[in-house]
PDB file of all heavy atoms in Angstrom:
ATOM      1  N   PHE A   1     198.640-110.722  59.126  1.00  0.00           N
ATOM      2  CA  PHE A   1     199.147-111.864  59.936  1.00  0.00           C
ATOM      3  C   PHE A   1     200.191-111.295  60.830  1.00  0.00           C
ATOM      4  O   PHE A   1     201.174-111.014  60.493  1.00  0.00           O
ATOM      5  CB  PHE A   1     199.736-112.965  59.041  1.00  0.00           C
ATOM      6  CG  PHE A   1     198.817-113.714  58.085  1.00  0.00           C
ATOM      7  CD1 PHE A   1     198.298-113.206  56.964  1.00  0.00           C
ATOM      8  CD2 PHE A   1     198.404-115.021  58.475  1.00  0.00           C
ATOM      9  CE1 PHE A   1     197.441-113.888  56.099  1.00  0.00           C
ATOM     10  CE2 PHE A   1     197.542-115.653  57.566  1.00  0.00           C
ATOM     11  CZ  PHE A   1     197.060-115.197  56.492  1.00  0.00           C
ATOM     12  N   PRO A   2     199.980-111.429  62.119  1.00  0.00           N
ATOM     13  CA  PRO A   2     200.991-110.847  63.130  1.00  0.00           C
ATOM     14  C   PRO A   2     202.029-111.839  63.380  1.00  0.00           C
ATOM     15  O   PRO A   2     203.014-111.427  64.053  1.00  0.00           O
ATOM     16  CB  PRO A   2     200.091-110.535  64.322  1.00  0.00           C
ATOM     17  CG  PRO A   2     198.983-111.497  64.341  1.00  0.00           C
ATOM     18  CD  PRO A   2     198.681-111.775  62.971  1.00  0.00           C
ATOM     19  N   GLY A   3     201.812-113.138  63.176  1.00  0.00           N
ATOM     20  CA  GLY A   3     202.830-114.210  63.592  1.00  0.00           C
ATOM     21  C   GLY A   3     202.980-115.283  62.590  1.00  0.00           C
ATOM     22  O   GLY A   3     202.948-116.388  62.935  1.00  0.00           O
ATOM     23  N   GLY A   4     203.060-114.817  61.298  1.00  0.00           N
ATOM     24  CA  GLY A   4     203.128-115.902  60.190  1.00  0.00           C
ATOM     25  C   GLY A   4     201.750-116.614  60.021  1.00  0.00           C
ATOM     26  O   GLY A   4     200.745-116.154  60.508  1.00  0.00           O
ATOM     27  N   ALA A   5     201.860-117.651  59.336  1.00  0.00           N
ATOM     28  CA  ALA A   5     200.593-118.267  58.904  1.00  0.00           C
ATOM     29  C   ALA A   5     199.872-118.868  60.139  1.00  0.00           C
ATOM     30  O   ALA A   5     198.531-118.986  60.167  1.00  0.00           O
ATOM     31  CB  ALA A   5     200.909-119.580  58.066  1.00  0.00           C
ATOM     32  N   SER A   6     200.557-119.175  61.184  1.00  0.00           N
ATOM     33  CA  SER A   6     199.918-119.877  62.324  1.00  0.00           C
ATOM     34  C   SER A   6     199.403-118.738  63.330  1.00  0.00           C
ATOM     35  O   SER A   6     198.632-119.163  64.306  1.00  0.00           O
ATOM     36  CB  SER A   6     200.850-120.792  63.036  1.00  0.00           C
ATOM     37  OG  SER A   6     201.968-120.145  63.526  1.00  0.00           O
ATOM     38  N   GLY A   7     199.792-117.528  63.176  1.00  0.00           N
ATOM     39  CA  GLY A   7     199.483-116.536  64.161  1.00  0.00           C
ATOM     40  C   GLY A   7     198.028-115.956  64.130  1.00  0.00           C
ATOM     41  O   GLY A   7     197.725-115.071  64.867  1.00  0.00           O
ATOM     42  N   GLY A   8     197.317-116.304  63.144  1.00  0.00           N
ATOM     43  CA  GLY A   8     195.930-115.678  62.867  1.00  0.00           C
ATOM     44  C   GLY A   8     195.943-114.428  62.038  1.00  0.00           C
ATOM     45  O   GLY A   8     197.062-114.123  61.475  1.00  0.00           O
ATOM     46  N   ILE A   9     194.796-113.820  61.785  1.00  0.00           N
ATOM     47  CA  ILE A   9     194.690-112.667  60.939  1.00  0.00           C
ATOM     48  C   ILE A   9     193.958-111.613  61.784  1.00  0.00           C
ATOM     49  O   ILE A   9     192.844-111.964  62.302  1.00  0.00           O
ATOM     50  CB  ILE A   9     194.027-112.988  59.613  1.00  0.00           C
ATOM     51  CG1 ILE A   9     194.578-114.241  58.970  1.00  0.00           C
ATOM     52  CG2 ILE A   9     194.133-111.983  58.723  1.00  0.00           C
ATOM     53  CD1 ILE A   9     193.889-114.798  57.839  1.00  0.00           C
ATOM     54  N   LEU A  10     194.397-110.351  61.691  1.00  0.00           N
ATOM     55  CA  LEU A  10     193.741-109.249  62.394  1.00  0.00           C
ATOM     56  C   LEU A  10     193.312-108.263  61.407  1.00  0.00           C
ATOM     57  O   LEU A  10     194.000-107.995  60.382  1.00  0.00           O
ATOM     58  CB  LEU A  10     194.632-108.663  63.480  1.00  0.00           C
ATOM     59  CG  LEU A  10     194.871-109.570  64.671  1.00  0.00           C
ATOM     60  CD1 LEU A  10     196.014-108.892  65.612  1.00  0.00           C
ATOM     61  CD2 LEU A  10     193.525-109.855  65.346  1.00  0.00           C
ATOM     62  N   PRO A  11     192.096-107.701  61.508  1.00  0.00           N
ATOM     63  CA  PRO A  11     191.799-106.475  60.700  1.00  0.00           C
ATOM     64  C   PRO A  11     192.511-105.209  60.874  1.00  0.00           C
ATOM     65  O   PRO A  11     193.239-105.082  61.830  1.00  0.00           O
ATOM     66  CB  PRO A  11     190.374-106.427  60.947  1.00  0.00           C
ATOM     67  CG  PRO A  11     190.289-106.635  62.549  1.00  0.00           C
ATOM     68  CD  PRO A  11     191.213-107.712  62.694  1.00  0.00           C
ATOM     69  N   ALA A  12     192.428-104.247  59.921  1.00  0.00           N
ATOM     70  CA  ALA A  12     193.093-102.982  60.024  1.00  0.00           C
ATOM     71  C   ALA A  12     192.420-102.194  61.343  1.00  0.00           C
ATOM     72  O   ALA A  12     193.289-101.381  61.899  1.00  0.00           O
ATOM     73  CB  ALA A  12     192.743-102.143  58.817  1.00  0.00           C
ATOM     74  N   SER A  13     191.342-102.436  61.764  1.00  0.00           N
ATOM     75  CA  SER A  13     190.840-101.807  62.890  1.00  0.00           C
ATOM     76  C   SER A  13     191.542-102.069  64.194  1.00  0.00           C
ATOM     77  O   SER A  13     191.494-101.383  65.153  1.00  0.00           O
ATOM     78  CB  SER A  13     189.251-101.975  62.973  1.00  0.00           C
ATOM     79  OG  SER A  13     189.111-103.496  63.103  1.00  0.00           O
ATOM     80  N   LEU A  14     192.263-103.163  64.116  1.00  0.00           N
ATOM     81  CA  LEU A  14     193.097-103.588  65.244  1.00  0.00           C
ATOM     82  C   LEU A  14     194.655-103.574  64.939  1.00  0.00           C
ATOM     83  O   LEU A  14     195.382-104.310  65.450  1.00  0.00           O
ATOM     84  CB  LEU A  14     192.712-105.112  65.574  1.00  0.00           C
ATOM     85  CG  LEU A  14     191.335-105.308  66.090  1.00  0.00           C
ATOM     86  CD1 LEU A  14     191.064-106.783  66.402  1.00  0.00           C
ATOM     87  CD2 LEU A  14     191.034-104.491  67.316  1.00  0.00           C
ATOM     88  N   ALA A  15     194.949-102.469  64.195  1.00  0.00           N
ATOM     89  CA  ALA A  15     196.354-102.275  63.913  1.00  0.00           C
ATOM     90  C   ALA A  15     197.068-101.280  65.019  1.00  0.00           C
ATOM     91  O   ALA A  15     198.148-100.947  64.646  1.00  0.00           O
ATOM     92  CB  ALA A  15     196.500-101.569  62.552  1.00  0.00           C
ATOM     93  N   ASP A  16     196.478-101.042  66.068  1.00  0.00           N
ATOM     94  CA  ASP A  16     197.073-100.183  67.121  1.00  0.00           C
ATOM     95  C   ASP A  16     197.139-100.960  68.416  1.00  0.00           C
ATOM     96  O   ASP A  16     197.479-100.396  69.421  1.00  0.00           O
ATOM     97  CB  ASP A  16     196.227 -98.979  67.348  1.00  0.00           C
ATOM     98  CG  ASP A  16     196.303 -97.972  66.311  1.00  0.00           C
ATOM     99  OD1 ASP A  16     197.442 -97.704  65.845  1.00  0.00           O
ATOM    100  OD2 ASP A  16     195.147 -97.431  65.907  1.00  0.00           O
ATOM    101  N   ILE A  17     197.211-102.223  68.238  1.00  0.00           N
ATOM    102  CA  ILE A  17     197.468-103.284  69.351  1.00  0.00           C
ATOM    103  C   ILE A  17     198.956-103.266  69.645  1.00  0.00           C
ATOM    104  O   ILE A  17     199.766-103.564  68.546  1.00  0.00           O
ATOM    105  CB  ILE A  17     196.936-104.621  69.211  1.00  0.00           C
ATOM    106  CG1 ILE A  17     195.362-104.483  69.005  1.00  0.00           C
ATOM    107  CG2 ILE A  17     197.209-105.527  70.376  1.00  0.00           C
ATOM    108  CD1 ILE A  17     194.785-105.776  68.454  1.00  0.00           C
ATOM    109  N   PRO A  18     199.609-103.229  70.813  1.00  0.00           N
ATOM    110  CA  PRO A  18     200.966-103.449  70.849  1.00  0.00           C
ATOM    111  C   PRO A  18     201.370-104.844  70.458  1.00  0.00           C
ATOM    112  O   PRO A  18     200.724-105.809  70.810  1.00  0.00           O
ATOM    113  CB  PRO A  18     201.304-103.216  72.392  1.00  0.00           C
ATOM    114  CG  PRO A  18     200.051-102.343  72.892  1.00  0.00           C
ATOM    115  CD  PRO A  18     198.932-102.823  72.017  1.00  0.00           C
ATOM    116  N   LEU A  19     202.446-104.934  69.643  1.00  0.00           N
ATOM    117  CA  LEU A  19     202.862-106.261  69.120  1.00  0.00           C
ATOM    118  C   LEU A  19     203.893-106.899  69.976  1.00  0.00           C
ATOM    119  O   LEU A  19     205.200-106.422  70.002  1.00  0.00           O
ATOM    120  CB  LEU A  19     203.400-106.074  67.708  1.00  0.00           C
ATOM    121  CG  LEU A  19     202.401-105.598  66.654  1.00  0.00           C
ATOM    122  CD1 LEU A  19     203.123-105.257  65.335  1.00  0.00           C
ATOM    123  CD2 LEU A  19     201.339-106.708  66.430  1.00  0.00           C
ATOM    124  N   ASP A  20     203.555-107.908  70.724  1.00  0.00           N
ATOM    125  CA  ASP A  20     204.495-108.482  71.577  1.00  0.00           C
ATOM    126  C   ASP A  20     203.924-109.801  72.024  1.00  0.00           C
ATOM    127  O   ASP A  20     202.778-110.197  71.751  1.00  0.00           O
ATOM    128  CB  ASP A  20     204.783-107.623  72.887  1.00  0.00           C
ATOM    129  CG  ASP A  20     206.052-108.132  73.543  1.00  0.00           C
ATOM    130  OD1 ASP A  20     206.787-108.830  73.032  1.00  0.00           O
ATOM    131  OD2 ASP A  20     206.344-107.549  74.623  1.00  0.00           O
ATOM    132  N   PHE A  21     204.763-110.659  72.847  1.00  0.00           N
ATOM    133  CA  PHE A  21     204.128-111.828  73.410  1.00  0.00           C
ATOM    134  C   PHE A  21     203.055-111.414  74.381  1.00  0.00           C
ATOM    135  O   PHE A  21     202.963-110.439  75.057  1.00  0.00           O
ATOM    136  CB  PHE A  21     205.313-112.474  74.261  1.00  0.00           C
ATOM    137  CG  PHE A  21     206.428-112.916  73.420  1.00  0.00           C
ATOM    138  CD1 PHE A  21     207.752-112.401  73.629  1.00  0.00           C
ATOM    139  CD2 PHE A  21     206.293-113.921  72.602  1.00  0.00           C
ATOM    140  CE1 PHE A  21     208.788-112.824  72.974  1.00  0.00           C
ATOM    141  CE2 PHE A  21     207.411-114.381  71.842  1.00  0.00           C
ATOM    142  CZ  PHE A  21     208.645-113.797  72.140  1.00  0.00           C
ATOM    143  N   ASP A  22     201.992-112.252  74.326  1.00  0.00           N
ATOM    144  CA  ASP A  22     200.905-112.103  75.262  1.00  0.00           C
ATOM    145  C   ASP A  22     199.867-110.984  74.969  1.00  0.00           C
ATOM    146  O   ASP A  22     198.726-111.044  75.503  1.00  0.00           O
ATOM    147  CB  ASP A  22     201.298-112.038  76.759  1.00  0.00           C
ATOM    148  CG  ASP A  22     202.325-113.012  77.182  1.00  0.00           C
ATOM    149  OD1 ASP A  22     202.322-114.163  76.729  1.00  0.00           O
ATOM    150  OD2 ASP A  22     203.316-112.644  77.808  1.00  0.00           O
ATOM    151  N   THR A  23     200.097-110.103  74.033  1.00  0.00           N
ATOM    152  CA  THR A  23     199.294-109.009  73.759  1.00  0.00           C
ATOM    153  C   THR A  23     198.081-109.344  72.838  1.00  0.00           C
ATOM    154  O   THR A  23     197.133-108.491  72.669  1.00  0.00           O
ATOM    155  CB  THR A  23     200.010-107.719  73.290  1.00  0.00           C
ATOM    156  OG1 THR A  23     200.690-108.128  72.051  1.00  0.00           O
ATOM    157  CG2 THR A  23     201.008-107.417  74.369  1.00  0.00           C
ATOM    158  N   LEU A  24     198.248-110.367  72.067  1.00  0.00           N
ATOM    159  CA  LEU A  24     197.311-110.737  71.035  1.00  0.00           C
ATOM    160  C   LEU A  24     196.360-111.786  71.318  1.00  0.00           C
ATOM    161  O   LEU A  24     195.415-112.139  70.550  1.00  0.00           O
ATOM    162  CB  LEU A  24     198.011-110.897  69.731  1.00  0.00           C
ATOM    163  CG  LEU A  24     199.130-109.896  69.259  1.00  0.00           C
ATOM    164  CD1 LEU A  24     199.738-110.387  67.996  1.00  0.00           C
ATOM    165  CD2 LEU A  24     198.338-108.542  69.003  1.00  0.00           C
ATOM    166  N   HIS A  25     196.511-112.573  72.532  1.00  0.00           N
ATOM    167  CA  HIS A  25     195.784-113.692  72.812  1.00  0.00           C
ATOM    168  C   HIS A  25     194.273-113.384  72.838  1.00  0.00           C
ATOM    169  O   HIS A  25     193.508-114.213  72.463  1.00  0.00           O
ATOM    170  CB  HIS A  25     196.239-114.222  74.117  1.00  0.00           C
ATOM    171  CG  HIS A  25     197.637-114.934  73.974  1.00  0.00           C
ATOM    172  ND1 HIS A  25     198.322-115.290  75.068  1.00  0.00           N
ATOM    173  CD2 HIS A  25     198.485-115.082  72.822  1.00  0.00           C
ATOM    174  CE1 HIS A  25     199.511-115.759  74.656  1.00  0.00           C
ATOM    175  NE2 HIS A  25     199.691-115.662  73.339  1.00  0.00           N
ATOM    176  N   GLU A  26     193.989-112.213  73.555  1.00  0.00           N
ATOM    177  CA  GLU A  26     192.549-111.974  73.660  1.00  0.00           C
ATOM    178  C   GLU A  26     191.789-111.817  72.256  1.00  0.00           C
ATOM    179  O   GLU A  26     190.550-111.783  72.128  1.00  0.00           O
ATOM    180  CB  GLU A  26     192.333-110.796  74.507  1.00  0.00           C
ATOM    181  CG  GLU A  26     192.897-109.434  73.886  1.00  0.00           C
ATOM    182  CD  GLU A  26     192.590-108.264  74.805  1.00  0.00           C
ATOM    183  OE1 GLU A  26     191.443-107.876  75.055  1.00  0.00           O
ATOM    184  OE2 GLU A  26     193.594-107.860  75.446  1.00  0.00           O
ATOM    185  N   TYR A  27     192.557-111.609  71.295  1.00  0.00           N
ATOM    186  CA  TYR A  27     192.087-111.461  69.835  1.00  0.00           C
ATOM    187  C   TYR A  27     192.117-112.745  69.161  1.00  0.00           C
ATOM    188  O   TYR A  27     191.815-112.623  67.905  1.00  0.00           O
ATOM    189  CB  TYR A  27     192.754-110.320  69.093  1.00  0.00           C
ATOM    190  CG  TYR A  27     192.635-109.078  69.898  1.00  0.00           C
ATOM    191  CD1 TYR A  27     193.785-108.523  70.716  1.00  0.00           C
ATOM    192  CD2 TYR A  27     191.594-108.244  69.906  1.00  0.00           C
ATOM    193  CE1 TYR A  27     193.818-107.426  71.461  1.00  0.00           C
ATOM    194  CE2 TYR A  27     191.520-107.113  70.636  1.00  0.00           C
ATOM    195  CZ  TYR A  27     192.743-106.611  71.357  1.00  0.00           C
ATOM    196  OH  TYR A  27     192.721-105.481  72.137  1.00  0.00           O
ATOM    197  N   GLY A  28     192.505-113.813  69.682  1.00  0.00           N
ATOM    198  CA  GLY A  28     192.627-115.139  69.013  1.00  0.00           C
ATOM    199  C   GLY A  28     193.899-115.241  68.196  1.00  0.00           C
ATOM    200  O   GLY A  28     193.999-115.989  67.255  1.00  0.00           O
ATOM    201  N   CYS A  29     194.887-114.482  68.461  1.00  0.00           N
ATOM    202  CA  CYS A  29     196.118-114.538  67.608  1.00  0.00           C
ATOM    203  C   CYS A  29     197.330-114.541  68.516  1.00  0.00           C
ATOM    204  O   CYS A  29     197.195-114.316  69.661  1.00  0.00           O
ATOM    205  CB  CYS A  29     196.168-113.228  66.698  1.00  0.00           C
ATOM    206  SG  CYS A  29     194.857-113.098  65.524  1.00  0.00           S
ATOM    207  N   PHE A  30     198.464-114.651  67.951  1.00  0.00           N
ATOM    208  CA  PHE A  30     199.752-114.551  68.718  1.00  0.00           C
ATOM    209  C   PHE A  30     200.871-114.050  67.785  1.00  0.00           C
ATOM    210  O   PHE A  30     200.695-114.189  66.507  1.00  0.00           O
ATOM    211  CB  PHE A  30     200.238-115.881  69.417  1.00  0.00           C
ATOM    212  CG  PHE A  30     200.377-116.990  68.419  1.00  0.00           C
ATOM    213  CD1 PHE A  30     201.558-117.182  67.787  1.00  0.00           C
ATOM    214  CD2 PHE A  30     199.378-117.967  68.395  1.00  0.00           C
ATOM    215  CE1 PHE A  30     201.774-118.230  66.958  1.00  0.00           C
ATOM    216  CE2 PHE A  30     199.534-119.097  67.514  1.00  0.00           C
ATOM    217  CZ  PHE A  30     200.750-119.096  66.765  1.00  0.00           C
ATOM    218  N   ILE A  31     201.977-113.513  68.355  1.00  0.00           N
ATOM    219  CA  ILE A  31     203.036-112.905  67.608  1.00  0.00           C
ATOM    220  C   ILE A  31     203.952-113.921  67.240  1.00  0.00           C
ATOM    221  O   ILE A  31     204.659-113.741  66.108  1.00  0.00           O
ATOM    222  CB  ILE A  31     203.801-111.738  68.401  1.00  0.00           C
ATOM    223  CG1 ILE A  31     204.624-110.924  67.446  1.00  0.00           C
ATOM    224  CG2 ILE A  31     204.538-112.355  69.583  1.00  0.00           C
ATOM    225  CD1 ILE A  31     205.152-109.736  68.143  1.00  0.00           C
ATOM    226  N   GLY A  32     204.197-115.011  67.850  1.00  0.00           N
ATOM    227  CA  GLY A  32     205.130-116.110  67.379  1.00  0.00           C
ATOM    228  C   GLY A  32     206.520-115.656  67.133  1.00  0.00           C
ATOM    229  O   GLY A  32     207.162-114.856  67.802  1.00  0.00           O
ATOM    230  N   SER A  33     207.035-115.773  65.896  1.00  0.00           N
ATOM    231  CA  SER A  33     208.307-115.315  65.551  1.00  0.00           C
ATOM    232  C   SER A  33     208.328-113.899  64.860  1.00  0.00           C
ATOM    233  O   SER A  33     209.302-113.499  64.343  1.00  0.00           O
ATOM    234  CB  SER A  33     208.895-116.345  64.356  1.00  0.00           C
ATOM    235  OG  SER A  33     207.973-116.395  63.238  1.00  0.00           O
ATOM    236  N   ALA A  34     207.136-113.184  65.163  1.00  0.00           N
ATOM    237  CA  ALA A  34     207.139-111.868  64.634  1.00  0.00           C
ATOM    238  C   ALA A  34     207.203-111.780  63.122  1.00  0.00           C
ATOM    239  O   ALA A  34     207.850-110.720  62.613  1.00  0.00           O
ATOM    240  CB  ALA A  34     208.139-110.933  65.380  1.00  0.00           C
ATOM    241  N   ALA A  35     206.498-112.588  62.447  1.00  0.00           N
ATOM    242  CA  ALA A  35     206.468-112.487  61.014  1.00  0.00           C
ATOM    243  C   ALA A  35     205.212-111.748  60.604  1.00  0.00           C
ATOM    244  O   ALA A  35     203.976-112.328  60.732  1.00  0.00           O
ATOM    245  CB  ALA A  35     206.366-113.967  60.345  1.00  0.00           C
TER     246      ALA A  35
END
């Protein structure tokens, strides 16, 4: 979970995406509070 319960869930195959605002939207997720 890149952004807590509300931030969505990403697989290990996407563990090299930069974690920041706006970088996860195309994957259906967001960083939120960085939880």
